[in-house]
Amino acid sequence: MADFEGKVVQITGAASGFGALAAADFAAKGARLLLSDVNEVGLNEVADALRSDGADVISEVFSVTDDTAMAQHIASALDRWGTLDIALNNAGIGNGVVKLQDIPLEDYDRVMDINAKGVFIGMRHQIPVMMKANTGAILNTASAAGLVGSGHLSAYAASKHAVIGMTKAAADEVARYNIRVNAICPSFASTPMVESMGDMVGAAHGISREDAYKRIAARVPMRRVAEPAEVVQAMLFIVSDANSFMTGQAISVDGGLTAV
């Protein structure tokens, strides 16, 4: 895989999971990093570790729902590096394993704000910068739940369907500026979000977390959840210069979940 030497890469939700691992992989390949998260402790740990290994990092704590903060965040990268080459709109939350009619309205609003509006806010500031440069790559973290019906995950599924719709619309709008916009659609992976889901499934059915994980894995044709690195390697390929003709796609990394 091509390296990312000198590329400026923005990653939201960088304090843990896919975001933290992607930041480490991009840094190892020479990228300069613009990182954000609402988790100050986790973000500082990630950023400090990367800096200690020699990476050039800007890290800022704010919510992706804050339009002003996002604008200032990207401006800080332009002030320091003069460009933004790649953006991973990765921040997201779940809504628990709940029937649609039992989801509190405030929970639905929060999931939609962070997962869908947060991606919209990111792209509305990333795209003009990339248009001026006449190049760029944006990757939005969606989900297999954005491609199929996902019972008991209706708010989360709605938000991820929205991410895929925005991805396709944006890709159509900016392709002539050599900007590629894609979405990645993981299924279950051993991340904090899925660990939390395992706890909720276990509590709902009166079983252990281990047994809940077995139930989750049984839904995947490959009969296991993904390792985060398997998803992150796909993320790096999707935004790499080697993948220069892919745009407007929702790429599944799901062990076959959406194939059946």
Protein backbone atom coordinates (compact mmCIF):
# COMPACT_ATOMS: atom_id res chain seq x y z
CA MET A 1 0.00 0.00 0.00
CA ALA A 2 1.23 3.50 -0.84
CA ASP A 3 2.42 5.59 2.06
CA PHE A 4 0.89 8.86 3.21
CA GLU A 5 4.10 10.83 3.62
CA GLY A 6 3.28 14.50 4.17
CA LYS A 7 -0.49 14.06 3.78
CA VAL A 8 -2.72 15.95 6.20
CA VAL A 9 -5.35 13.57 7.56
CA GLN A 10 -8.33 14.61 9.69
CA ILE A 11 -9.93 11.96 11.91
CA THR A 12 -12.97 12.54 14.12
CA GLY A 13 -13.71 10.08 16.90
CA ALA A 14 -9.97 9.55 17.29
CA ALA A 15 -9.86 8.66 20.98
CA SER A 16 -10.64 4.96 20.57
CA GLY A 17 -11.73 2.21 18.21
CA PHE A 18 -11.25 2.64 14.48
CA GLY A 19 -10.25 6.28 14.87
CA ALA A 20 -7.37 5.66 17.25
CA LEU A 21 -6.03 2.73 15.26
CA ALA A 22 -6.35 4.62 11.97
CA ALA A 23 -4.44 7.54 13.46
CA ALA A 24 -1.57 5.23 14.43
CA ASP A 25 -1.47 3.60 11.00
CA PHE A 26 -1.55 6.91 9.14
CA ALA A 27 1.20 8.28 11.38
CA ALA A 28 3.34 5.20 10.74
CA LYS A 29 3.00 5.94 7.02
CA GLY A 30 4.15 9.55 7.37
CA ALA A 31 0.87 11.47 7.68
CA ARG A 32 0.30 14.65 9.65
CA LEU A 33 -2.78 14.30 11.83
CA LEU A 34 -5.72 16.51 12.77
CA LEU A 35 -7.56 14.64 15.52
CA SER A 36 -10.71 15.32 17.51
CA ASP A 37 -13.04 13.64 19.99
CA VAL A 38 -15.25 14.54 22.95
CA ASN A 39 -13.24 12.13 25.13
CA GLU A 40 -10.47 14.42 26.36
CA VAL A 41 -8.57 11.77 28.32
CA GLY A 42 -8.63 9.23 25.51
CA LEU A 43 -7.76 11.78 22.84
CA ASN A 44 -4.81 13.10 24.84
CA GLU A 45 -3.50 9.57 25.34
CA VAL A 46 -3.69 8.84 21.61
CA ALA A 47 -2.16 12.17 20.58
CA ASP A 48 0.64 12.04 23.17
CA ALA A 49 1.60 8.52 22.13
CA LEU A 50 1.75 9.55 18.48
CA ARG A 51 3.82 12.64 19.24
CA SER A 52 6.24 10.57 21.30
CA ASP A 53 6.77 8.46 18.18
CA GLY A 54 7.54 11.57 16.15
CA ALA A 55 4.17 12.30 14.52
CA ASP A 56 3.04 15.85 13.81
CA VAL A 57 -0.37 16.09 15.51
CA ILE A 58 -3.04 18.67 16.26
CA SER A 59 -5.65 17.37 18.71
CA GLU A 60 -8.71 19.25 19.88
CA VAL A 61 -11.65 18.30 22.09
CA PHE A 62 -15.11 19.16 20.76
CA SER A 63 -18.31 17.58 19.47
CA VAL A 64 -18.75 17.02 15.75
CA THR A 65 -22.16 18.66 16.16
CA ASP A 66 -20.45 22.00 16.87
CA ASP A 67 -20.27 23.76 13.50
CA THR A 68 -18.10 26.63 14.75
CA ALA A 69 -15.63 24.31 16.45
CA MET A 70 -15.33 22.19 13.31
CA ALA A 71 -14.61 25.27 11.19
CA GLN A 72 -11.94 26.42 13.64
CA HIS A 73 -10.47 22.91 13.83
CA ILE A 74 -9.94 22.72 10.08
CA ALA A 75 -8.64 26.31 10.04
CA SER A 76 -5.98 25.28 12.56
CA ALA A 77 -4.74 22.64 10.12
CA LEU A 78 -4.65 25.15 7.28
CA ASP A 79 -2.74 27.62 9.44
CA ARG A 80 -0.15 24.98 10.32
CA TRP A 81 0.10 22.88 7.17
CA GLY A 82 -1.74 24.82 4.47
CA THR A 83 -3.84 21.90 3.28
CA LEU A 84 -6.27 19.11 4.11
CA ASP A 85 -5.78 16.02 1.97
CA ILE A 86 -7.90 13.33 3.62
CA ALA A 87 -10.81 13.39 6.06
CA LEU A 88 -12.27 10.50 8.03
CA ASN A 89 -15.65 11.43 9.49
CA ASN A 90 -15.57 8.59 11.97
CA ALA A 91 -17.21 9.84 15.18
CA GLY A 92 -20.38 8.00 16.08
CA ILE A 93 -22.50 6.50 18.85
CA GLY A 94 -25.04 3.71 19.20
CA ASN A 95 -28.53 3.82 20.64
CA GLY A 96 -28.69 0.52 22.45
CA VAL A 97 -30.60 -2.63 21.55
CA VAL A 98 -34.16 -1.32 21.80
CA LYS A 99 -37.43 -1.67 19.91
CA LEU A 100 -38.27 1.41 17.85
CA GLN A 101 -41.29 2.38 19.97
CA ASP A 102 -39.22 2.22 23.15
CA ILE A 103 -36.48 4.62 22.03
CA PRO A 104 -36.78 7.95 23.87
CA LEU A 105 -37.07 10.85 21.45
CA GLU A 106 -34.03 12.53 22.98
CA ASP A 107 -31.95 9.40 22.32
CA TYR A 108 -33.04 9.35 18.69
CA ASP A 109 -32.17 13.04 18.31
CA ARG A 110 -28.73 12.52 19.88
CA VAL A 111 -27.88 9.58 17.61
CA MET A 112 -28.97 11.48 14.51
CA ASP A 113 -27.11 14.62 15.59
CA ILE A 114 -23.77 12.89 16.14
CA ASN A 115 -23.89 10.21 13.46
CA ALA A 116 -25.60 12.07 10.61
CA LYS A 117 -25.43 15.79 11.33
CA GLY A 118 -21.84 15.37 12.50
CA VAL A 119 -20.85 13.93 9.11
CA PHE A 120 -22.74 16.72 7.34
CA ILE A 121 -20.93 19.38 9.38
CA GLY A 122 -17.58 17.77 8.70
CA MET A 123 -18.11 17.62 4.95
CA ARG A 124 -19.51 21.13 4.68
CA HIS A 125 -16.15 22.44 5.92
CA GLN A 126 -13.86 19.84 4.34
CA ILE A 127 -15.24 20.09 0.81
CA PRO A 128 -14.53 23.81 0.17
CA VAL A 129 -10.91 23.36 1.26
CA MET A 130 -10.46 20.37 -1.04
CA MET A 131 -12.22 22.13 -3.92
CA LYS A 132 -9.65 24.92 -3.77
CA ALA A 133 -6.89 22.32 -3.97
CA ASN A 134 -8.75 20.40 -6.69
CA THR A 135 -8.08 17.14 -4.90
CA GLY A 136 -8.98 15.21 -1.74
CA ALA A 137 -10.50 12.08 -0.26
CA ILE A 138 -13.29 11.85 2.31
CA LEU A 139 -14.31 8.64 4.05
CA ASN A 140 -17.43 8.51 6.20
CA THR A 141 -17.87 5.70 8.71
CA ALA A 142 -21.31 4.22 8.10
CA SER A 143 -22.26 0.67 9.01
CA ALA A 144 -23.74 -2.53 7.69
CA ALA A 145 -26.79 -1.20 9.54
CA GLY A 146 -26.90 1.53 6.91
CA LEU A 147 -27.36 -1.03 4.16
CA VAL A 148 -29.93 -3.43 5.59
CA GLY A 149 -32.76 -3.47 8.08
CA SER A 150 -31.39 -3.77 11.61
CA GLY A 151 -34.02 -4.71 14.13
CA HIS A 152 -33.69 -3.14 17.58
CA LEU A 153 -31.17 -0.64 16.15
CA SER A 154 -33.59 1.63 14.29
CA ALA A 155 -32.18 5.02 15.33
CA TYR A 156 -28.62 3.90 14.65
CA ALA A 157 -29.65 2.33 11.33
CA ALA A 158 -31.48 5.50 10.30
CA SER A 159 -28.40 7.60 11.02
CA LYS A 160 -26.13 5.31 9.01
CA HIS A 161 -28.55 5.17 6.06
CA ALA A 162 -28.35 8.98 6.15
CA VAL A 163 -24.55 8.86 6.09
CA ILE A 164 -24.59 6.68 2.98
CA GLY A 165 -27.10 8.97 1.28
CA MET A 166 -24.98 12.05 2.00
CA THR A 167 -21.88 10.24 0.84
CA LYS A 168 -23.39 9.43 -2.54
CA ALA A 169 -24.83 12.92 -3.01
CA ALA A 170 -21.55 14.61 -2.09
CA ALA A 171 -19.56 12.29 -4.34
CA ASP A 172 -21.72 13.28 -7.29
CA GLU A 173 -21.31 16.99 -6.52
CA VAL A 174 -17.54 17.09 -6.12
CA ALA A 175 -16.20 14.41 -8.48
CA ARG A 176 -15.24 17.04 -11.06
CA TYR A 177 -12.91 18.58 -8.47
CA ASN A 178 -11.01 15.28 -8.11
CA ILE A 179 -12.47 14.76 -4.66
CA ARG A 180 -13.51 11.22 -3.82
CA VAL A 181 -16.19 10.60 -1.18
CA ASN A 182 -16.90 7.08 0.04
CA ALA A 183 -18.40 5.35 3.06
CA ILE A 184 -17.17 2.27 4.87
CA CYS A 185 -19.74 -0.11 6.30
CA PRO A 186 -18.35 -2.41 9.00
CA SER A 187 -20.52 -4.91 10.78
CA PHE A 188 -19.55 -6.08 14.26
CA ALA A 189 -15.96 -5.46 15.35
CA SER A 190 -14.23 -5.69 18.70
CA THR A 191 -14.52 -1.97 19.46
CA PRO A 192 -15.88 -0.21 22.58
CA MET A 193 -19.24 0.32 20.83
CA VAL A 194 -19.73 -3.38 20.13
CA GLU A 195 -18.48 -4.28 23.60
CA SER A 196 -21.23 -2.04 24.97
CA MET A 197 -23.74 -3.72 22.67
CA GLY A 198 -22.63 -7.09 24.00
CA ASP A 199 -23.33 -5.92 27.53
CA MET A 200 -26.80 -4.71 26.52
CA VAL A 201 -27.64 -7.93 24.68
CA GLY A 202 -26.46 -9.91 27.69
CA ALA A 203 -28.54 -7.84 30.09
CA ALA A 204 -31.64 -8.10 27.87
CA HIS A 205 -31.41 -11.89 27.67
CA GLY A 206 -29.96 -12.63 31.10
CA ILE A 207 -26.74 -14.08 29.69
CA SER A 208 -23.03 -13.35 30.05
CA ARG A 209 -21.11 -10.95 27.83
CA GLU A 210 -19.26 -13.95 26.38
CA ASP A 211 -22.52 -15.66 25.40
CA ALA A 212 -23.85 -12.37 24.02
CA TYR A 213 -20.76 -12.09 21.81
CA LYS A 214 -21.42 -15.61 20.56
CA ARG A 215 -24.94 -14.57 19.58
CA ILE A 216 -23.63 -11.49 17.79
CA ALA A 217 -20.93 -13.47 15.96
CA ALA A 218 -23.45 -16.12 14.92
CA ARG A 219 -25.22 -13.51 12.78
CA VAL A 220 -22.08 -13.11 10.65
CA PRO A 221 -21.46 -15.72 7.92
CA MET A 222 -17.77 -15.84 8.88
CA ARG A 223 -18.93 -16.64 12.43
CA ARG A 224 -16.80 -14.01 14.12
CA VAL A 225 -16.58 -10.29 14.64
CA ALA A 226 -13.91 -8.27 12.88
CA GLU A 227 -10.64 -7.21 14.37
CA PRO A 228 -10.44 -3.40 14.20
CA ALA A 229 -7.26 -3.64 12.11
CA GLU A 230 -9.18 -5.48 9.38
CA VAL A 231 -11.51 -2.51 9.02
CA VAL A 232 -8.80 0.11 9.33
CA GLN A 233 -6.70 -1.45 6.57
CA ALA A 234 -9.70 -1.11 4.29
CA MET A 235 -10.08 2.51 5.38
CA LEU A 236 -6.50 3.32 4.44
CA PHE A 237 -6.84 1.69 1.05
CA ILE A 238 -10.08 3.51 0.25
CA VAL A 239 -8.51 6.96 0.79
CA SER A 240 -5.12 6.09 -0.73
CA ASP A 241 -3.91 7.47 -4.05
CA ALA A 242 -3.77 3.87 -5.28
CA ASN A 243 -7.59 3.81 -5.14
CA SER A 244 -8.02 6.77 -7.46
CA PHE A 245 -11.26 5.89 -9.33
CA MET A 246 -13.58 4.82 -6.50
CA THR A 247 -16.13 7.37 -5.34
CA GLY A 248 -19.73 7.39 -4.14
CA GLN A 249 -19.47 3.85 -2.80
CA ALA A 250 -20.60 2.21 0.43
CA ILE A 251 -17.98 -0.49 0.97
CA SER A 252 -18.95 -3.39 3.23
CA VAL A 253 -16.35 -4.91 5.55
CA ASP A 254 -18.73 -7.22 7.28
CA GLY A 255 -17.74 -10.88 7.08
CA GLY A 256 -20.55 -11.48 4.57
CA LEU A 257 -23.36 -10.08 6.75
CA THR A 258 -24.97 -8.05 3.96
CA ALA A 259 -24.41 -10.73 1.33
CA VAL A 260 -27.27 -12.90 2.59
